Amino acid sequence: MQPDTTAFGSVTAHVEPAALSGQISALEGGGGYMRVVLNGADALNAGQEFELEMHDGARFRVVVIESLPSGGAESVQEYRLKLLGRGSRAGSS
């Protein structure tokens, strides 16, 4: 079962060469960690960096810390990420 993520809004993961839609499933305070559910994601590897675009267009660089159990859903995968900094187009229109 996919977690209810409507409270956090949608995101787009820019993992070359794809752009994957998803949702933030949890924010972990005090260290820049979050959990994100991505739709149609092949397994991303620990240490892999990419840009995460928030619903308002802001982009942030993140790194995969770990892949979490998907709970049986084949088309979604949950990841624990760490925020690294602003992305290449953060806040641009």
PDB file of N, CA and C in Angstrom:
ATOM      1  N   MET A   1       0.844  -1.187   0.000  1.00  0.00           N
ATOM      2  CA  MET A   1       0.000   0.000   0.000  1.00  0.00           C
ATOM      3  C   MET A   1       0.883   1.241   0.000  1.00  0.00           C
ATOM      4  N   GLN A   2       0.568   2.182  -0.855  1.00  0.00           N
ATOM      5  CA  GLN A   2       1.321   3.421  -0.948  1.00  0.00           C
ATOM      6  C   GLN A   2       0.906   4.365   0.181  1.00  0.00           C
ATOM      7  N   PRO A   3       1.885   5.021   0.839  1.00  0.00           N
ATOM      8  CA  PRO A   3       1.536   5.939   1.919  1.00  0.00           C
ATOM      9  C   PRO A   3       0.759   7.150   1.414  1.00  0.00           C
ATOM     10  N   ASP A   4      -0.082   7.734   2.275  1.00  0.00           N
ATOM     11  CA  ASP A   4      -0.822   8.950   1.929  1.00  0.00           C
ATOM     12  C   ASP A   4       0.149  10.116   1.976  1.00  0.00           C
ATOM     13  N   THR A   5       0.417  10.718   0.817  1.00  0.00           N
ATOM     14  CA  THR A   5       1.419  11.780   0.735  1.00  0.00           C
ATOM     15  C   THR A   5       0.837  13.112   0.293  1.00  0.00           C
ATOM     16  N   THR A   6      -0.448  13.263   0.316  1.00  0.00           N
ATOM     17  CA  THR A   6      -1.069  14.472  -0.211  1.00  0.00           C
ATOM     18  C   THR A   6      -0.725  15.711   0.589  1.00  0.00           C
ATOM     19  N   ALA A   7      -0.361  15.572   1.842  1.00  0.00           N
ATOM     20  CA  ALA A   7      -0.058  16.727   2.680  1.00  0.00           C
ATOM     21  C   ALA A   7       1.249  17.405   2.275  1.00  0.00           C
ATOM     22  N   PHE A   8       2.158  16.685   1.601  1.00  0.00           N
ATOM     23  CA  PHE A   8       3.467  17.238   1.291  1.00  0.00           C
ATOM     24  C   PHE A   8       3.606  17.757  -0.130  1.00  0.00           C
ATOM     25  N   GLY A   9       2.702  17.418  -1.023  1.00  0.00           N
ATOM     26  CA  GLY A   9       2.766  17.904  -2.388  1.00  0.00           C
ATOM     27  C   GLY A   9       3.588  17.022  -3.303  1.00  0.00           C
ATOM     28  N   SER A  10       3.489  17.320  -4.567  1.00  0.00           N
ATOM     29  CA  SER A  10       4.143  16.493  -5.570  1.00  0.00           C
ATOM     30  C   SER A  10       5.563  16.988  -5.849  1.00  0.00           C
ATOM     31  N   VAL A  11       6.375  16.074  -6.391  1.00  0.00           N
ATOM     32  CA  VAL A  11       7.740  16.396  -6.786  1.00  0.00           C
ATOM     33  C   VAL A  11       8.028  15.711  -8.117  1.00  0.00           C
ATOM     34  N   THR A  12       9.083  16.179  -8.770  1.00  0.00           N
ATOM     35  CA  THR A  12       9.590  15.522  -9.965  1.00  0.00           C
ATOM     36  C   THR A  12      11.072  15.259  -9.745  1.00  0.00           C
ATOM     37  N   ALA A  13      11.466  14.005  -9.896  1.00  0.00           N
ATOM     38  CA  ALA A  13      12.874  13.632  -9.760  1.00  0.00           C
ATOM     39  C   ALA A  13      13.501  13.649 -11.146  1.00  0.00           C
ATOM     40  N   HIS A  14      14.523  14.470 -11.328  1.00  0.00           N
ATOM     41  CA  HIS A  14      15.223  14.563 -12.602  1.00  0.00           C
ATOM     42  C   HIS A  14      16.448  13.660 -12.527  1.00  0.00           C
ATOM     43  N   VAL A  15      16.230  12.393 -12.916  1.00  0.00           N
ATOM     44  CA  VAL A  15      17.267  11.369 -12.910  1.00  0.00           C
ATOM     45  C   VAL A  15      17.566  11.064 -14.359  1.00  0.00           C
ATOM     46  N   GLU A  16      18.683  11.571 -14.859  1.00  0.00           N
ATOM     47  CA  GLU A  16      18.988  11.429 -16.285  1.00  0.00           C
ATOM     48  C   GLU A  16      18.904   9.980 -16.722  1.00  0.00           C
ATOM     49  N   PRO A  17      18.232   9.710 -17.817  1.00  0.00           N
ATOM     50  CA  PRO A  17      17.618  10.634 -18.763  1.00  0.00           C
ATOM     51  C   PRO A  17      16.126  10.853 -18.509  1.00  0.00           C
ATOM     52  N   ALA A  18      15.613  10.419 -17.359  1.00  0.00           N
ATOM     53  CA  ALA A  18      14.167  10.459 -17.106  1.00  0.00           C
ATOM     54  C   ALA A  18      13.785  11.558 -16.128  1.00  0.00           C
ATOM     55  N   ALA A  19      12.499  11.863 -16.124  1.00  0.00           N
ATOM     56  CA  ALA A  19      11.889  12.725 -15.111  1.00  0.00           C
ATOM     57  C   ALA A  19      10.751  11.903 -14.500  1.00  0.00           C
ATOM     58  N   LEU A  20      10.870  11.580 -13.225  1.00  0.00           N
ATOM     59  CA  LEU A  20       9.922  10.704 -12.540  1.00  0.00           C
ATOM     60  C   LEU A  20       9.039  11.501 -11.603  1.00  0.00           C
ATOM     61  N   SER A  21       7.733  11.271 -11.667  1.00  0.00           N
ATOM     62  CA  SER A  21       6.825  11.955 -10.750  1.00  0.00           C
ATOM     63  C   SER A  21       6.803  11.221  -9.416  1.00  0.00           C
ATOM     64  N   GLY A  22       6.438  11.948  -8.372  1.00  0.00           N
ATOM     65  CA  GLY A  22       6.374  11.324  -7.054  1.00  0.00           C
ATOM     66  C   GLY A  22       5.811  12.256  -6.007  1.00  0.00           C
ATOM     67  N   GLN A  23       5.958  11.830  -4.767  1.00  0.00           N
ATOM     68  CA  GLN A  23       5.446  12.571  -3.621  1.00  0.00           C
ATOM     69  C   GLN A  23       6.450  12.463  -2.482  1.00  0.00           C
ATOM     70  N   ILE A  24       6.546  13.509  -1.673  1.00  0.00           N
ATOM     71  CA  ILE A  24       7.316  13.423  -0.439  1.00  0.00           C
ATOM     72  C   ILE A  24       6.447  12.687   0.557  1.00  0.00           C
ATOM     73  N   SER A  25       6.957  11.602   1.117  1.00  0.00           N
ATOM     74  CA  SER A  25       6.166  10.817   2.065  1.00  0.00           C
ATOM     75  C   SER A  25       6.469  11.196   3.510  1.00  0.00           C
ATOM     76  N   ALA A  26       7.639  11.769   3.785  1.00  0.00           N
ATOM     77  CA  ALA A  26       7.969  12.189   5.144  1.00  0.00           C
ATOM     78  C   ALA A  26       9.143  13.158   5.107  1.00  0.00           C
ATOM     79  N   LEU A  27       9.121  14.116   6.011  1.00  0.00           N
ATOM     80  CA  LEU A  27      10.250  15.011   6.229  1.00  0.00           C
ATOM     81  C   LEU A  27      10.846  14.650   7.580  1.00  0.00           C
ATOM     82  N   GLU A  28      12.152  14.463   7.611  1.00  0.00           N
ATOM     83  CA  GLU A  28      12.831  14.125   8.853  1.00  0.00           C
ATOM     84  C   GLU A  28      13.594  15.363   9.300  1.00  0.00           C
ATOM     85  N   GLY A  29      13.240  15.912  10.440  1.00  0.00           N
ATOM     86  CA  GLY A  29      13.792  17.185  10.889  1.00  0.00           C
ATOM     87  C   GLY A  29      15.260  17.143  11.260  1.00  0.00           C
ATOM     88  N   GLY A  30      15.879  18.311  11.162  1.00  0.00           N
ATOM     89  CA  GLY A  30      17.206  18.518  11.694  1.00  0.00           C
ATOM     90  C   GLY A  30      18.372  17.909  10.951  1.00  0.00           C
ATOM     91  N   GLY A  31      18.262  17.599   9.708  1.00  0.00           N
ATOM     92  CA  GLY A  31      19.416  17.055   9.009  1.00  0.00           C
ATOM     93  C   GLY A  31      19.258  17.050   7.511  1.00  0.00           C
ATOM     94  N   GLY A  32      18.132  17.545   7.022  1.00  0.00           N
ATOM     95  CA  GLY A  32      17.906  17.585   5.593  1.00  0.00           C
ATOM     96  C   GLY A  32      17.562  16.245   4.985  1.00  0.00           C
ATOM     97  N   TYR A  33      16.970  15.343   5.770  1.00  0.00           N
ATOM     98  CA  TYR A  33      16.576  14.026   5.275  1.00  0.00           C
ATOM     99  C   TYR A  33      15.087  14.005   4.965  1.00  0.00           C
ATOM    100  N   MET A  34      14.718  13.235   3.953  1.00  0.00           N
ATOM    101  CA  MET A  34      13.308  13.070   3.600  1.00  0.00           C
ATOM    102  C   MET A  34      13.115  11.701   2.967  1.00  0.00           C
ATOM    103  N   ARG A  35      11.865  11.265   2.951  1.00  0.00           N
ATOM    104  CA  ARG A  35      11.501  10.050   2.224  1.00  0.00           C
ATOM    105  C   ARG A  35      10.618  10.467   1.065  1.00  0.00           C
ATOM    106  N   VAL A  36      10.888   9.899  -0.104  1.00  0.00           N
ATOM    107  CA  VAL A  36      10.174  10.248  -1.325  1.00  0.00           C
ATOM    108  C   VAL A  36       9.727   8.969  -2.024  1.00  0.00           C
ATOM    109  N   VAL A  37       8.465   8.954  -2.453  1.00  0.00           N
ATOM    110  CA  VAL A  37       7.926   7.847  -3.246  1.00  0.00           C
ATOM    111  C   VAL A  37       7.958   8.288  -4.705  1.00  0.00           C
ATOM    112  N   LEU A  38       8.617   7.494  -5.559  1.00  0.00           N
ATOM    113  CA  LEU A  38       8.710   7.801  -6.987  1.00  0.00           C
ATOM    114  C   LEU A  38       7.935   6.775  -7.792  1.00  0.00           C
ATOM    115  N   ASN A  39       7.194   7.251  -8.774  1.00  0.00           N
ATOM    116  CA  ASN A  39       6.382   6.392  -9.647  1.00  0.00           C
ATOM    117  C   ASN A  39       7.214   5.877 -10.808  1.00  0.00           C
ATOM    118  N   GLY A  40       7.106   4.589 -11.063  1.00  0.00           N
ATOM    119  CA  GLY A  40       7.792   3.986 -12.200  1.00  0.00           C
ATOM    120  C   GLY A  40       9.297   3.985 -12.087  1.00  0.00           C
ATOM    121  N   ALA A  41       9.811   4.097 -10.879  1.00  0.00           N
ATOM    122  CA  ALA A  41      11.258   4.203 -10.699  1.00  0.00           C
ATOM    123  C   ALA A  41      11.924   2.838 -10.717  1.00  0.00           C
ATOM    124  N   ASP A  42      12.943   2.714 -11.557  1.00  0.00           N
ATOM    125  CA  ASP A  42      13.832   1.573 -11.438  1.00  0.00           C
ATOM    126  C   ASP A  42      14.653   1.840 -10.184  1.00  0.00           C
ATOM    127  N   ALA A  43      15.276   0.848  -9.679  1.00  0.00           N
ATOM    128  CA  ALA A  43      16.037   1.006  -8.442  1.00  0.00           C
ATOM    129  C   ALA A  43      17.144   2.041  -8.617  1.00  0.00           C
ATOM    130  N   LEU A  44      17.111   3.057  -7.782  1.00  0.00           N
ATOM    131  CA  LEU A  44      18.201   4.016  -7.709  1.00  0.00           C
ATOM    132  C   LEU A  44      19.194   3.472  -6.690  1.00  0.00           C
ATOM    133  N   ASN A  45      20.439   3.809  -6.845  1.00  0.00           N
ATOM    134  CA  ASN A  45      21.474   3.270  -5.989  1.00  0.00           C
ATOM    135  C   ASN A  45      21.856   4.238  -4.876  1.00  0.00           C
ATOM    136  N   ALA A  46      22.233   3.687  -3.731  1.00  0.00           N
ATOM    137  CA  ALA A  46      22.761   4.516  -2.648  1.00  0.00           C
ATOM    138  C   ALA A  46      23.960   5.286  -3.184  1.00  0.00           C
ATOM    139  N   GLY A  47      24.009   6.563  -2.871  1.00  0.00           N
ATOM    140  CA  GLY A  47      25.075   7.425  -3.349  1.00  0.00           C
ATOM    141  C   GLY A  47      24.767   8.142  -4.648  1.00  0.00           C
ATOM    142  N   GLN A  48      23.688   7.768  -5.315  1.00  0.00           N
ATOM    143  CA  GLN A  48      23.309   8.402  -6.583  1.00  0.00           C
ATOM    144  C   GLN A  48      22.740   9.783  -6.318  1.00  0.00           C
ATOM    145  N   GLU A  49      23.229  10.776  -7.041  1.00  0.00           N
ATOM    146  CA  GLU A  49      22.755  12.149  -6.904  1.00  0.00           C
ATOM    147  C   GLU A  49      21.856  12.519  -8.080  1.00  0.00           C
ATOM    148  N   PHE A  50      20.862  13.380  -7.791  1.00  0.00           N
ATOM    149  CA  PHE A  50      19.984  13.909  -8.828  1.00  0.00           C
ATOM    150  C   PHE A  50      19.302  15.152  -8.301  1.00  0.00           C
ATOM    151  N   GLU A  51      18.503  15.794  -9.139  1.00  0.00           N
ATOM    152  CA  GLU A  51      17.760  16.980  -8.719  1.00  0.00           C
ATOM    153  C   GLU A  51      16.307  16.629  -8.471  1.00  0.00           C
ATOM    154  N   LEU A  52      15.773  17.177  -7.399  1.00  0.00           N
ATOM    155  CA  LEU A  52      14.377  16.982  -7.033  1.00  0.00           C
ATOM    156  C   LEU A  52      13.681  18.331  -7.166  1.00  0.00           C
ATOM    157  N   GLU A  53      12.670  18.383  -8.048  1.00  0.00           N
ATOM    158  CA  GLU A  53      11.930  19.619  -8.297  1.00  0.00           C
ATOM    159  C   GLU A  53      10.634  19.598  -7.495  1.00  0.00           C
ATOM    160  N   MET A  54      10.445  20.613  -6.670  1.00  0.00           N
ATOM    161  CA  MET A  54       9.249  20.722  -5.847  1.00  0.00           C
ATOM    162  C   MET A  54       8.079  21.236  -6.685  1.00  0.00           C
ATOM    163  N   HIS A  55       6.878  21.147  -6.139  1.00  0.00           N
ATOM    164  CA  HIS A  55       5.671  21.547  -6.874  1.00  0.00           C
ATOM    165  C   HIS A  55       5.703  23.007  -7.299  1.00  0.00           C
ATOM    166  N   ASP A  56       6.486  23.852  -6.596  1.00  0.00           N
ATOM    167  CA  ASP A  56       6.550  25.280  -6.932  1.00  0.00           C
ATOM    168  C   ASP A  56       7.679  25.606  -7.916  1.00  0.00           C
ATOM    169  N   GLY A  57       8.395  24.582  -8.382  1.00  0.00           N
ATOM    170  CA  GLY A  57       9.453  24.788  -9.363  1.00  0.00           C
ATOM    171  C   GLY A  57      10.854  24.878  -8.780  1.00  0.00           C
ATOM    172  N   ALA A  58      10.980  25.007  -7.469  1.00  0.00           N
ATOM    173  CA  ALA A  58      12.311  25.056  -6.847  1.00  0.00           C
ATOM    174  C   ALA A  58      12.978  23.695  -6.988  1.00  0.00           C
ATOM    175  N   ARG A  59      14.280  23.705  -7.264  1.00  0.00           N
ATOM    176  CA  ARG A  59      15.039  22.457  -7.430  1.00  0.00           C
ATOM    177  C   ARG A  59      16.120  22.359  -6.363  1.00  0.00           C
ATOM    178  N   PHE A  60      16.325  21.128  -5.921  1.00  0.00           N
ATOM    179  CA  PHE A  60      17.336  20.858  -4.904  1.00  0.00           C
ATOM    180  C   PHE A  60      18.130  19.626  -5.291  1.00  0.00           C
ATOM    181  N   ARG A  61      19.431  19.658  -5.032  1.00  0.00           N
ATOM    182  CA  ARG A  61      20.276  18.494  -5.248  1.00  0.00           C
ATOM    183  C   ARG A  61      20.102  17.560  -4.054  1.00  0.00           C
ATOM    184  N   VAL A  62      19.932  16.284  -4.326  1.00  0.00           N
ATOM    185  CA  VAL A  62      19.757  15.282  -3.284  1.00  0.00           C
ATOM    186  C   VAL A  62      20.617  14.064  -3.614  1.00  0.00           C
ATOM    187  N   VAL A  63      20.850  13.238  -2.592  1.00  0.00           N
ATOM    188  CA  VAL A  63      21.558  11.980  -2.779  1.00  0.00           C
ATOM    189  C   VAL A  63      20.730  10.873  -2.144  1.00  0.00           C
ATOM    190  N   VAL A  64      20.707   9.713  -2.789  1.00  0.00           N
ATOM    191  CA  VAL A  64      19.988   8.556  -2.258  1.00  0.00           C
ATOM    192  C   VAL A  64      20.786   7.974  -1.098  1.00  0.00           C
ATOM    193  N   ILE A  65      20.141   7.873   0.061  1.00  0.00           N
ATOM    194  CA  ILE A  65      20.756   7.243   1.228  1.00  0.00           C
ATOM    195  C   ILE A  65      20.433   5.756   1.236  1.00  0.00           C
ATOM    196  N   GLU A  66      19.160   5.434   1.006  1.00  0.00           N
ATOM    197  CA  GLU A  66      18.765   4.026   0.956  1.00  0.00           C
ATOM    198  C   GLU A  66      17.445   3.870   0.221  1.00  0.00           C
ATOM    199  N   SER A  67      17.247   2.681  -0.322  1.00  0.00           N
ATOM    200  CA  SER A  67      15.983   2.291  -0.936  1.00  0.00           C
ATOM    201  C   SER A  67      15.183   1.565   0.132  1.00  0.00           C
ATOM    202  N   LEU A  68      13.929   1.960   0.315  1.00  0.00           N
ATOM    203  CA  LEU A  68      13.080   1.380   1.358  1.00  0.00           C
ATOM    204  C   LEU A  68      12.129   0.354   0.759  1.00  0.00           C
ATOM    205  N   PRO A  69      11.674  -0.605   1.556  1.00  0.00           N
ATOM    206  CA  PRO A  69      10.720  -1.602   1.037  1.00  0.00           C
ATOM    207  C   PRO A  69       9.490  -0.920   0.454  1.00  0.00           C
ATOM    208  N   SER A  70       9.058  -1.396  -0.722  1.00  0.00           N
ATOM    209  CA  SER A  70       7.940  -0.756  -1.414  1.00  0.00           C
ATOM    210  C   SER A  70       6.580  -1.239  -0.945  1.00  0.00           C
ATOM    211  N   GLY A  71       6.536  -2.239  -0.075  1.00  0.00           N
ATOM    212  CA  GLY A  71       5.261  -2.737   0.422  1.00  0.00           C
ATOM    213  C   GLY A  71       4.449  -3.477  -0.614  1.00  0.00           C
ATOM    214  N   GLY A  72       5.104  -4.027  -1.624  1.00  0.00           N
ATOM    215  CA  GLY A  72       4.402  -4.827  -2.619  1.00  0.00           C
ATOM    216  C   GLY A  72       3.961  -4.060  -3.848  1.00  0.00           C
ATOM    217  N   ALA A  73       3.977  -2.732  -3.830  1.00  0.00           N
ATOM    218  CA  ALA A  73       3.585  -1.953  -5.002  1.00  0.00           C
ATOM    219  C   ALA A  73       4.711  -1.999  -6.028  1.00  0.00           C
ATOM    220  N   GLU A  74       4.430  -2.537  -7.212  1.00  0.00           N
ATOM    221  CA  GLU A  74       5.466  -2.702  -8.216  1.00  0.00           C
ATOM    222  C   GLU A  74       5.800  -1.419  -8.964  1.00  0.00           C
ATOM    223  N   SER A  75       4.867  -0.499  -9.057  1.00  0.00           N
ATOM    224  CA  SER A  75       5.084   0.690  -9.877  1.00  0.00           C
ATOM    225  C   SER A  75       5.610   1.883  -9.084  1.00  0.00           C
ATOM    226  N   VAL A  76       5.809   1.728  -7.778  1.00  0.00           N
ATOM    227  CA  VAL A  76       6.352   2.815  -6.964  1.00  0.00           C
ATOM    228  C   VAL A  76       7.501   2.285  -6.119  1.00  0.00           C
ATOM    229  N   GLN A  77       8.401   3.190  -5.766  1.00  0.00           N
ATOM    230  CA  GLN A  77       9.528   2.838  -4.911  1.00  0.00           C
ATOM    231  C   GLN A  77       9.786   4.008  -3.971  1.00  0.00           C
ATOM    232  N   GLU A  78      10.041   3.716  -2.710  1.00  0.00           N
ATOM    233  CA  GLU A  78      10.315   4.761  -1.726  1.00  0.00           C
ATOM    234  C   GLU A  78      11.810   4.810  -1.440  1.00  0.00           C
ATOM    235  N   TYR A  79      12.334   6.027  -1.335  1.00  0.00           N
ATOM    236  CA  TYR A  79      13.749   6.255  -1.083  1.00  0.00           C
ATOM    237  C   TYR A  79      13.920   7.223   0.076  1.00  0.00           C
ATOM    238  N   ARG A  80      14.999   7.044   0.803  1.00  0.00           N
ATOM    239  CA  ARG A  80      15.402   8.024   1.822  1.00  0.00           C
ATOM    240  C   ARG A  80      16.501   8.852   1.176  1.00  0.00           C
ATOM    241  N   LEU A  81      16.311  10.176   1.187  1.00  0.00           N
ATOM    242  CA  LEU A  81      17.222  11.103   0.519  1.00  0.00           C
ATOM    243  C   LEU A  81      17.800  12.092   1.517  1.00  0.00           C
ATOM    244  N   LYS A  82      18.964  12.648   1.173  1.00  0.00           N
ATOM    245  CA  LYS A  82      19.548  13.741   1.949  1.00  0.00           C
ATOM    246  C   LYS A  82      19.697  14.946   1.035  1.00  0.00           C
ATOM    247  N   LEU A  83      19.271  16.086   1.523  1.00  0.00           N
ATOM    248  CA  LEU A  83      19.387  17.345   0.800  1.00  0.00           C
ATOM    249  C   LEU A  83      20.849  17.784   0.770  1.00  0.00           C
ATOM    250  N   LEU A  84      21.357  18.117  -0.438  1.00  0.00           N
ATOM    251  CA  LEU A  84      22.736  18.563  -0.592  1.00  0.00           C
ATOM    252  C   LEU A  84      22.838  20.068  -0.798  1.00  0.00           C
ATOM    253  N   GLY A  85      21.815  20.657  -1.401  1.00  0.00           N
ATOM    254  CA  GLY A  85      21.856  22.097  -1.682  1.00  0.00           C
ATOM    255  C   GLY A  85      20.896  22.447  -2.797  1.00  0.00           C
ATOM    256  N   ARG A  86      20.965  23.677  -3.233  1.00  0.00           N
ATOM    257  CA  ARG A  86      20.085  24.126  -4.308  1.00  0.00           C
ATOM    258  C   ARG A  86      20.500  23.507  -5.630  1.00  0.00           C
ATOM    259  N   GLY A  87      19.497  23.291  -6.450  1.00  0.00           N
ATOM    260  CA  GLY A  87      19.736  22.719  -7.772  1.00  0.00           C
ATOM    261  C   GLY A  87      20.158  23.785  -8.765  1.00  0.00           C
ATOM    262  N   SER A  88      20.387  23.355  -9.974  1.00  0.00           N
ATOM    263  CA  SER A  88      20.886  24.263 -11.020  1.00  0.00           C
ATOM    264  C   SER A  88      19.885  25.329 -11.426  1.00  0.00           C
ATOM    265  N   ARG A  89      18.606  25.031 -11.263  1.00  0.00           N
ATOM    266  CA  ARG A  89      17.578  26.012 -11.653  1.00  0.00           C
ATOM    267  C   ARG A  89      16.633  26.308 -10.501  1.00  0.00           C
ATOM    268  N   ALA A  90      17.091  26.258  -9.267  1.00  0.00           N
ATOM    269  CA  ALA A  90      16.236  26.491  -8.109  1.00  0.00           C
ATOM    270  C   ALA A  90      15.641  27.884  -8.164  1.00  0.00           C
ATOM    271  N   GLY A  91      14.334  27.960  -8.087  1.00  0.00           N
ATOM    272  CA  GLY A  91      13.644  29.236  -8.032  1.00  0.00           C
ATOM    273  C   GLY A  91      13.533  29.961  -9.356  1.00  0.00           C
ATOM    274  N   SER A  92      14.019  29.378 -10.450  1.00  0.00           N
ATOM    275  CA  SER A  92      13.910  30.068 -11.741  1.00  0.00           C
ATOM    276  C   SER A  92      12.575  29.769 -12.384  1.00  0.00           C
ATOM    277  N   SER A  93      12.144  30.651 -13.269  1.00  0.00           N
ATOM    278  CA  SER A  93      10.877  30.464 -13.970  1.00  0.00           C
ATOM    279  C   SER A  93      11.115  30.181 -15.412  1.00  0.00           C
TER     280      SER A  93
END
